[in-house]
Amino acid sequence: MQPLGPGSRGPAVADVRAALRSLGLLPPADGVPDDVGAEVYDQATELAVRHFQQVRGLSVDGRVGEETYRALSEARWSLGDRLLHHDPERPMRGDDVTNLQERLLELGYDAGRADGIFGPETETGLRAFQRDYGLTADGTCGPATLRALRQLGRKVTGGRPQLLRQSASFVDSGPHLIGRRIVVDPGHGGNDPGCSYGETTEADLVLDLASRIEGQLAAAGATVYLTRGRSQDPTPAERTGFANDARADLFVSLHLDAHGSEHARGVASYYYGTGSGTSSTVGEKFADLVRREVTARTGMLDLGGHPKTWDLLRMTRMPAVRLDCGYLSHPVDRLLLLDARVRSSVASAVLAAVQRLFLPADADPPTGTFVLPGRV
């Protein structure tokens, strides 16, 4: 869809304003009928969209593109508004699905992560709950299932159920990389160069970086796949679909950044999360590990880790992280990124972070010190 922004008009704008009003983010002005100005994307609409994007973990630009429009549509649904079931062709998405997933997880059932997408893991968790409660285990959340869910209190305490389950799974799988499947996703590509400075483009630098990471991970025993070559520019759906089809253990997306401010610099990491407690717990841990390893080995500024609901992080079926490795618009970051030795250090940092992710807590070395045997 064509992004909507200040000055846009038409039925699509009216639909956005209606969604914002239903969420309580855009109350009508006193004495002004609802239909007056309903098709105009004004300043109040932009501010409401920015607020919505911030709360939902989207990129905050005040414009309504495909992701923001889809998130607005999903936010309209509350648990009980409709029958929920698994449709392999068109998976149901919405806040009601998120609420169902969170409820099942609180009761101790493995429904996958609470991402608002009714997939096979959610259906499996729902069927298990229905069997245990004496209901018809049809995998459909209807009135009887809703009544049962509302009658039960929380059963899992002392931590997020996903964190307990995923952490145990990773430790049990062993501290080695042999046999691990890791997808490395160099951003942009093809006709999309990303941000640039002179002849230097984000697409070229992250592809070089991805190749270095591929080499180091493969040498450590992992099986590594890149989502693109030099001439391709897959869509986010194609990138996540590739990782899901590969049944990857980890997904790492590489980007650079640029900004008009002369002070913008540093390394940031992103993982799936809504900012309200729902997140990919292993993804959050890996995002923290890889960012801290990169900053420790390169001296770049640490900009922290942030939860986001971008489709690139949400649609993957494995822990996924986006790593923004610096700002091409900043002279210091740019000088570092153009140095092949620094890019090799970043690749070593990613390798160390991946290895540390699989180590038990009592065997995890300090940040910036981990070296694989034979790589002194």
Protein backbone atom coordinates (compact mmCIF):
# COMPACT_ATOMS: atom_id res chain seq x y z
CA MET A 1 0.00 0.00 0.00
CA GLN A 2 1.01 3.63 -0.49
CA PRO A 3 2.10 4.97 2.93
CA LEU A 4 -0.29 7.47 4.49
CA GLY A 5 1.09 10.61 6.09
CA PRO A 6 0.32 14.27 6.83
CA GLY A 7 -1.82 15.71 4.05
CA SER A 8 -3.16 12.35 2.84
CA ARG A 9 -6.90 12.11 2.22
CA GLY A 10 -9.44 9.45 1.39
CA PRO A 11 -11.26 6.40 2.73
CA ALA A 12 -8.03 4.74 3.92
CA VAL A 13 -7.32 7.75 6.15
CA ALA A 14 -10.87 7.60 7.49
CA ASP A 15 -10.34 3.92 8.33
CA VAL A 16 -7.08 4.73 10.17
CA ARG A 17 -8.76 7.52 12.13
CA ALA A 18 -11.65 5.22 13.05
CA ALA A 19 -9.19 2.60 14.32
CA LEU A 20 -7.31 5.19 16.37
CA ARG A 21 -10.59 6.49 17.80
CA SER A 22 -11.71 2.98 18.76
CA LEU A 23 -8.43 2.56 20.66
CA GLY A 24 -8.97 5.83 22.52
CA LEU A 25 -5.99 7.51 20.85
CA LEU A 26 -7.94 10.02 18.78
CA PRO A 27 -10.99 11.40 20.63
CA PRO A 28 -13.31 13.62 18.58
CA ALA A 29 -13.08 17.34 19.24
CA ASP A 30 -15.83 18.82 21.42
CA GLY A 31 -18.86 19.80 19.36
CA VAL A 32 -17.42 18.47 16.09
CA PRO A 33 -19.27 15.58 14.39
CA ASP A 34 -17.24 12.41 13.84
CA ASP A 35 -17.45 12.65 10.07
CA VAL A 36 -15.98 16.19 9.86
CA GLY A 37 -12.37 15.93 8.70
CA ALA A 38 -12.51 12.14 8.96
CA GLU A 39 -10.68 11.67 5.66
CA VAL A 40 -7.85 14.12 6.39
CA TYR A 41 -4.51 12.99 7.86
CA ASP A 42 -3.93 15.96 10.16
CA GLN A 43 -1.45 16.70 12.94
CA ALA A 44 -3.60 15.03 15.59
CA THR A 45 -3.69 11.86 13.50
CA GLU A 46 0.08 11.90 13.08
CA LEU A 47 0.62 12.27 16.83
CA ALA A 48 -1.83 9.45 17.55
CA VAL A 49 -0.06 7.21 15.01
CA ARG A 50 3.32 8.00 16.58
CA HIS A 51 1.95 7.09 20.00
CA PHE A 52 0.51 3.84 18.66
CA GLN A 53 3.78 2.94 16.92
CA GLN A 54 5.77 3.60 20.08
CA VAL A 55 3.50 1.44 22.23
CA ARG A 56 3.39 -1.40 19.68
CA GLY A 57 7.15 -1.56 19.09
CA LEU A 58 7.04 -0.32 15.49
CA SER A 59 9.29 2.20 13.77
CA VAL A 60 8.06 5.61 14.96
CA ASP A 61 7.71 7.81 11.87
CA GLY A 62 4.09 9.02 12.12
CA ARG A 63 3.22 7.39 8.80
CA VAL A 64 0.94 4.41 8.17
CA GLY A 65 2.57 1.79 5.97
CA GLU A 66 1.72 -1.90 5.68
CA GLU A 67 3.07 -2.90 9.10
CA THR A 68 1.37 -0.07 10.99
CA TYR A 69 -1.92 -0.56 9.14
CA ARG A 70 -1.86 -4.28 9.90
CA ALA A 71 -1.07 -3.58 13.56
CA LEU A 72 -4.02 -1.16 13.76
CA SER A 73 -6.30 -3.84 12.33
CA GLU A 74 -5.02 -6.45 14.79
CA ALA A 75 -5.45 -4.10 17.76
CA ARG A 76 -9.22 -3.95 17.16
CA TRP A 77 -9.74 -7.57 18.26
CA SER A 78 -10.35 -8.56 21.89
CA LEU A 79 -10.50 -12.14 23.15
CA GLY A 80 -14.07 -13.36 22.65
CA ASP A 81 -14.86 -11.20 19.61
CA ARG A 82 -14.53 -14.16 17.22
CA LEU A 83 -13.82 -17.87 17.02
CA LEU A 84 -10.07 -18.53 16.89
CA HIS A 85 -8.58 -21.47 15.01
CA HIS A 86 -5.54 -22.39 12.95
CA ASP A 87 -5.78 -21.64 9.22
CA PRO A 88 -2.56 -22.75 7.44
CA GLU A 89 -3.33 -20.61 4.39
CA ARG A 90 -4.27 -17.38 6.19
CA PRO A 91 -3.24 -17.52 9.87
CA MET A 92 -5.47 -15.48 12.17
CA ARG A 93 -3.69 -12.46 13.65
CA GLY A 94 -4.78 -10.04 16.35
CA ASP A 95 -4.61 -8.94 19.95
CA ASP A 96 -7.16 -11.62 20.81
CA VAL A 97 -4.70 -14.26 19.62
CA THR A 98 -1.97 -12.66 21.74
CA ASN A 99 -4.26 -12.75 24.79
CA LEU A 100 -5.05 -16.43 24.18
CA GLN A 101 -1.36 -17.29 23.82
CA GLU A 102 -0.44 -15.41 27.01
CA ARG A 103 -3.25 -17.15 28.92
CA LEU A 104 -2.13 -20.60 27.78
CA LEU A 105 1.49 -19.82 28.65
CA GLU A 106 0.48 -18.63 32.13
CA LEU A 107 -1.33 -21.94 32.64
CA GLY A 108 1.80 -23.87 31.70
CA TYR A 109 0.94 -24.90 28.14
CA ASP A 110 3.49 -24.48 25.36
CA ALA A 111 1.70 -22.30 22.82
CA GLY A 112 4.85 -20.90 21.24
CA ARG A 113 5.68 -17.27 21.78
CA ALA A 114 2.91 -14.73 22.22
CA ASP A 115 3.26 -13.10 18.80
CA GLY A 116 -0.43 -12.68 17.95
CA ILE A 117 -0.31 -15.26 15.13
CA PHE A 118 -2.45 -18.40 15.52
CA GLY A 119 0.00 -20.98 14.25
CA PRO A 120 0.44 -24.75 14.77
CA GLU A 121 2.16 -24.30 18.14
CA THR A 122 -0.79 -22.29 19.47
CA GLU A 123 -3.20 -24.93 18.18
CA THR A 124 -1.18 -27.69 19.90
CA GLY A 125 -1.16 -25.80 23.20
CA LEU A 126 -4.88 -25.08 22.96
CA ARG A 127 -5.73 -28.72 22.20
CA ALA A 128 -3.67 -29.84 25.22
CA PHE A 129 -5.56 -27.39 27.45
CA GLN A 130 -8.92 -28.55 26.09
CA ARG A 131 -8.08 -32.22 26.70
CA ASP A 132 -6.95 -31.56 30.26
CA TYR A 133 -10.10 -29.57 31.03
CA GLY A 134 -12.47 -32.17 29.57
CA LEU A 135 -13.46 -30.12 26.52
CA THR A 136 -13.64 -31.19 22.90
CA ALA A 137 -10.01 -30.93 21.76
CA ASP A 138 -10.77 -29.35 18.40
CA GLY A 139 -8.16 -26.57 18.56
CA THR A 140 -10.84 -23.89 18.25
CA CYS A 141 -11.24 -21.22 20.90
CA GLY A 142 -14.99 -20.79 21.24
CA PRO A 143 -17.40 -19.92 24.09
CA ALA A 144 -16.79 -23.10 26.13
CA THR A 145 -13.02 -22.73 25.96
CA LEU A 146 -13.23 -19.04 26.86
CA ARG A 147 -15.34 -19.86 29.94
CA ALA A 148 -12.78 -22.44 31.04
CA LEU A 149 -9.89 -20.02 30.56
CA ARG A 150 -11.63 -17.34 32.61
CA GLN A 151 -12.36 -19.73 35.47
CA LEU A 152 -8.71 -20.70 35.97
CA GLY A 153 -5.99 -18.69 37.66
CA ARG A 154 -2.29 -18.58 36.87
CA LYS A 155 -0.34 -21.78 37.43
CA VAL A 156 3.19 -20.77 36.40
CA THR A 157 4.93 -18.39 38.80
CA GLY A 158 8.49 -17.27 39.48
CA GLY A 159 9.33 -16.14 35.95
CA ARG A 160 8.12 -15.98 32.37
CA PRO A 161 7.13 -19.50 31.23
CA GLN A 162 8.83 -19.04 27.86
CA LEU A 163 12.09 -18.02 29.50
CA LEU A 164 12.08 -21.09 31.74
CA ARG A 165 11.28 -23.42 28.84
CA GLN A 166 13.60 -21.90 26.22
CA SER A 167 16.55 -21.44 28.58
CA ALA A 168 16.35 -25.09 29.63
CA SER A 169 16.11 -26.18 25.99
CA PHE A 170 19.20 -24.22 24.96
CA VAL A 171 21.30 -25.50 27.87
CA ASP A 172 20.19 -29.09 27.26
CA SER A 173 21.18 -28.85 23.59
CA GLY A 174 24.86 -28.50 24.57
CA PRO A 175 27.53 -25.77 24.33
CA HIS A 176 28.79 -26.61 20.82
CA LEU A 177 27.97 -25.16 17.39
CA ILE A 178 28.27 -28.39 15.41
CA GLY A 179 25.02 -28.98 13.57
CA ARG A 180 23.52 -25.59 14.46
CA ARG A 181 21.69 -23.93 11.57
CA ILE A 182 22.14 -20.17 11.51
CA VAL A 183 20.67 -17.77 8.95
CA VAL A 184 22.54 -14.50 8.42
CA ASP A 185 20.51 -11.81 6.69
CA PRO A 186 22.44 -8.92 5.09
CA GLY A 187 19.89 -6.11 4.79
CA HIS A 188 18.80 -4.41 1.55
CA GLY A 189 20.56 -5.54 -1.68
CA GLY A 190 19.78 -5.47 -5.39
CA ASN A 191 18.30 -2.11 -6.36
CA ASP A 192 18.02 -1.07 -2.69
CA PRO A 193 21.44 0.13 -1.46
CA GLY A 194 20.17 1.20 1.96
CA CYS A 195 21.95 4.20 3.44
CA SER A 196 25.10 5.36 1.66
CA TYR A 197 28.05 7.73 1.83
CA GLY A 198 29.64 8.50 -1.51
CA GLU A 199 30.14 5.17 -3.27
CA THR A 200 29.96 3.23 -0.01
CA THR A 201 26.58 1.57 0.50
CA GLU A 202 25.00 -0.22 3.43
CA ALA A 203 24.07 -3.17 1.19
CA ASP A 204 27.69 -3.81 0.16
CA LEU A 205 29.15 -3.43 3.65
CA VAL A 206 26.65 -5.73 5.37
CA LEU A 207 27.08 -8.35 2.63
CA ASP A 208 30.83 -8.29 3.25
CA LEU A 209 30.19 -8.51 6.98
CA ALA A 210 27.74 -11.40 6.50
CA SER A 211 30.34 -13.29 4.45
CA ARG A 212 32.92 -12.87 7.24
CA ILE A 213 30.40 -14.09 9.82
CA GLU A 214 29.51 -17.03 7.60
CA GLY A 215 33.17 -18.04 7.38
CA GLN A 216 33.82 -17.85 11.12
CA LEU A 217 30.62 -19.68 12.10
CA ALA A 218 31.22 -22.39 9.49
CA ALA A 219 34.78 -22.88 10.77
CA ALA A 220 33.29 -23.45 14.24
CA GLY A 221 31.03 -26.20 12.93
CA ALA A 222 27.76 -24.39 12.26
CA THR A 223 25.76 -24.62 9.05
CA VAL A 224 25.24 -21.06 7.80
CA TYR A 225 22.86 -19.70 5.17
CA LEU A 226 22.78 -16.18 3.71
CA THR A 227 19.39 -14.80 2.67
CA ARG A 228 20.74 -13.01 -0.39
CA GLY A 229 23.62 -12.45 -2.77
CA ARG A 230 24.78 -9.18 -4.26
CA SER A 231 21.95 -8.77 -6.77
CA GLN A 232 18.95 -9.89 -4.69
CA ASP A 233 16.67 -7.87 -2.41
CA PRO A 234 14.20 -10.31 -0.80
CA THR A 235 11.12 -8.99 0.96
CA PRO A 236 10.90 -9.40 4.75
CA ALA A 237 8.42 -12.26 4.18
CA GLU A 238 10.88 -14.00 1.84
CA ARG A 239 13.74 -13.57 4.32
CA THR A 240 11.77 -14.96 7.26
CA GLY A 241 10.24 -17.69 5.09
CA PHE A 242 13.74 -18.77 4.04
CA ALA A 243 14.83 -19.01 7.69
CA ASN A 244 11.70 -20.93 8.67
CA ASP A 245 12.09 -23.37 5.78
CA ALA A 246 15.72 -23.94 6.79
CA ARG A 247 14.54 -24.75 10.34
CA ALA A 248 17.24 -22.43 11.62
CA ASP A 249 18.27 -22.23 15.27
CA LEU A 250 19.10 -18.51 15.04
CA PHE A 251 18.41 -15.62 12.67
CA VAL A 252 20.72 -12.57 12.54
CA SER A 253 19.82 -9.57 10.37
CA LEU A 254 22.60 -7.05 9.68
CA HIS A 255 22.07 -3.35 9.02
CA LEU A 256 23.81 0.01 9.22
CA ASP A 257 22.14 3.35 9.93
CA ALA A 258 22.30 7.02 9.01
CA HIS A 259 20.87 10.17 10.54
CA GLY A 260 20.88 13.91 9.98
CA SER A 261 22.24 14.56 13.47
CA GLU A 262 26.01 14.75 13.72
CA HIS A 263 25.78 13.06 17.12
CA ALA A 264 24.07 9.87 15.91
CA ARG A 265 26.48 6.94 16.27
CA GLY A 266 26.80 3.52 17.85
CA VAL A 267 25.53 -0.06 17.80
CA ALA A 268 21.94 -1.10 18.61
CA SER A 269 20.24 -4.49 18.71
CA TYR A 270 16.58 -5.40 18.33
CA TYR A 271 14.56 -8.49 19.24
CA TYR A 272 10.89 -9.43 19.04
CA GLY A 273 8.94 -7.84 21.88
CA THR A 274 5.98 -5.58 22.52
CA GLY A 275 7.61 -3.59 25.32
CA SER A 276 4.96 -4.81 27.76
CA GLY A 277 6.50 -8.10 28.87
CA THR A 278 5.80 -10.16 25.75
CA SER A 279 9.07 -10.98 24.03
CA SER A 280 11.29 -13.61 22.49
CA THR A 281 13.26 -14.40 25.62
CA VAL A 282 16.20 -16.12 23.92
CA GLY A 283 16.16 -13.41 21.24
CA GLU A 284 16.37 -10.76 23.96
CA LYS A 285 19.34 -12.53 25.56
CA PHE A 286 21.13 -12.96 22.22
CA ALA A 287 20.50 -9.34 21.24
CA ASP A 288 22.18 -8.25 24.45
CA LEU A 289 25.11 -10.65 24.03
CA VAL A 290 25.89 -9.77 20.42
CA ARG A 291 25.63 -6.00 20.93
CA ARG A 292 27.89 -6.04 23.98
CA GLU A 293 30.44 -8.26 22.22
CA VAL A 294 30.55 -5.89 19.22
CA THR A 295 30.97 -2.76 21.33
CA ALA A 296 33.62 -4.39 23.53
CA ARG A 297 35.71 -5.43 20.51
CA THR A 298 35.29 -2.31 18.35
CA GLY A 299 34.97 0.55 20.87
CA MET A 300 31.70 1.72 19.29
CA LEU A 301 29.02 3.33 21.43
CA ASP A 302 26.49 0.96 23.01
CA LEU A 303 22.94 2.11 22.17
CA GLY A 304 21.22 -0.74 24.00
CA GLY A 305 18.74 -3.43 23.01
CA HIS A 306 15.15 -2.68 22.08
CA PRO A 307 11.97 -4.75 21.65
CA LYS A 308 10.27 -4.37 18.26
CA THR A 309 7.36 -6.03 16.50
CA TRP A 310 8.79 -5.72 13.00
CA ASP A 311 7.70 -8.61 10.76
CA LEU A 312 11.35 -9.54 10.28
CA LEU A 313 11.53 -10.42 13.99
CA ARG A 314 7.93 -11.49 14.50
CA MET A 315 7.49 -13.97 11.64
CA THR A 316 10.58 -16.06 12.33
CA ARG A 317 9.99 -19.30 14.19
CA MET A 318 13.38 -19.14 15.92
CA PRO A 319 15.13 -16.48 18.06
CA ALA A 320 15.81 -13.54 15.74
CA VAL A 321 17.89 -10.40 16.19
CA ARG A 322 18.53 -7.34 14.08
CA LEU A 323 21.96 -5.78 14.65
CA ASP A 324 22.59 -2.19 13.53
CA CYS A 325 26.38 -2.06 13.40
CA GLY A 326 26.95 1.71 13.30
CA TYR A 327 26.14 4.92 11.44
CA LEU A 328 27.58 5.58 8.00
CA SER A 329 26.67 9.23 8.54
CA HIS A 330 29.06 9.54 11.51
CA PRO A 331 32.77 10.02 10.63
CA VAL A 332 34.11 7.80 13.44
CA ASP A 333 31.69 4.91 12.84
CA ARG A 334 32.22 5.20 9.09
CA LEU A 335 36.02 5.05 9.46
CA LEU A 336 35.70 1.93 11.59
CA LEU A 337 33.23 0.22 9.26
CA LEU A 338 35.44 0.83 6.22
CA ASP A 339 38.30 -0.98 7.98
CA ALA A 340 38.28 -4.67 7.04
CA ARG A 341 39.96 -5.53 10.34
CA VAL A 342 37.08 -3.98 12.28
CA ARG A 343 34.53 -5.89 10.20
CA SER A 344 36.43 -9.08 11.04
CA SER A 345 36.23 -8.08 14.71
CA VAL A 346 32.48 -7.68 14.36
CA ALA A 347 32.30 -11.15 12.82
CA SER A 348 34.32 -12.53 15.75
CA ALA A 349 31.93 -10.78 18.13
CA VAL A 350 28.92 -12.46 16.50
CA LEU A 351 30.66 -15.84 16.70
CA ALA A 352 31.44 -15.30 20.40
CA ALA A 353 27.87 -14.22 21.13
CA VAL A 354 26.42 -17.27 19.38
CA GLN A 355 28.73 -19.60 21.31
CA ARG A 356 27.98 -17.88 24.64
CA LEU A 357 24.26 -18.24 24.02
CA PHE A 358 24.58 -22.02 24.31
CA LEU A 359 26.80 -21.98 27.41
CA PRO A 360 25.36 -22.58 30.89
CA ALA A 361 25.44 -19.47 33.09
CA ASP A 362 28.26 -20.73 35.31
CA ALA A 363 30.52 -21.31 32.29
CA ASP A 364 29.85 -18.01 30.50
CA PRO A 365 33.02 -15.86 30.25
CA PRO A 366 33.06 -12.05 30.57
CA THR A 367 32.07 -9.99 27.54
CA GLY A 368 34.83 -9.43 25.01
CA THR A 369 37.05 -12.26 26.30
CA PHE A 370 35.59 -15.41 24.75
CA VAL A 371 37.85 -17.08 22.16
CA LEU A 372 37.14 -20.46 20.58
CA PRO A 373 39.90 -23.06 20.95
CA GLY A 374 42.46 -22.61 18.18
CA ARG A 375 41.44 -18.96 17.54
CA VAL A 376 43.91 -17.19 19.86
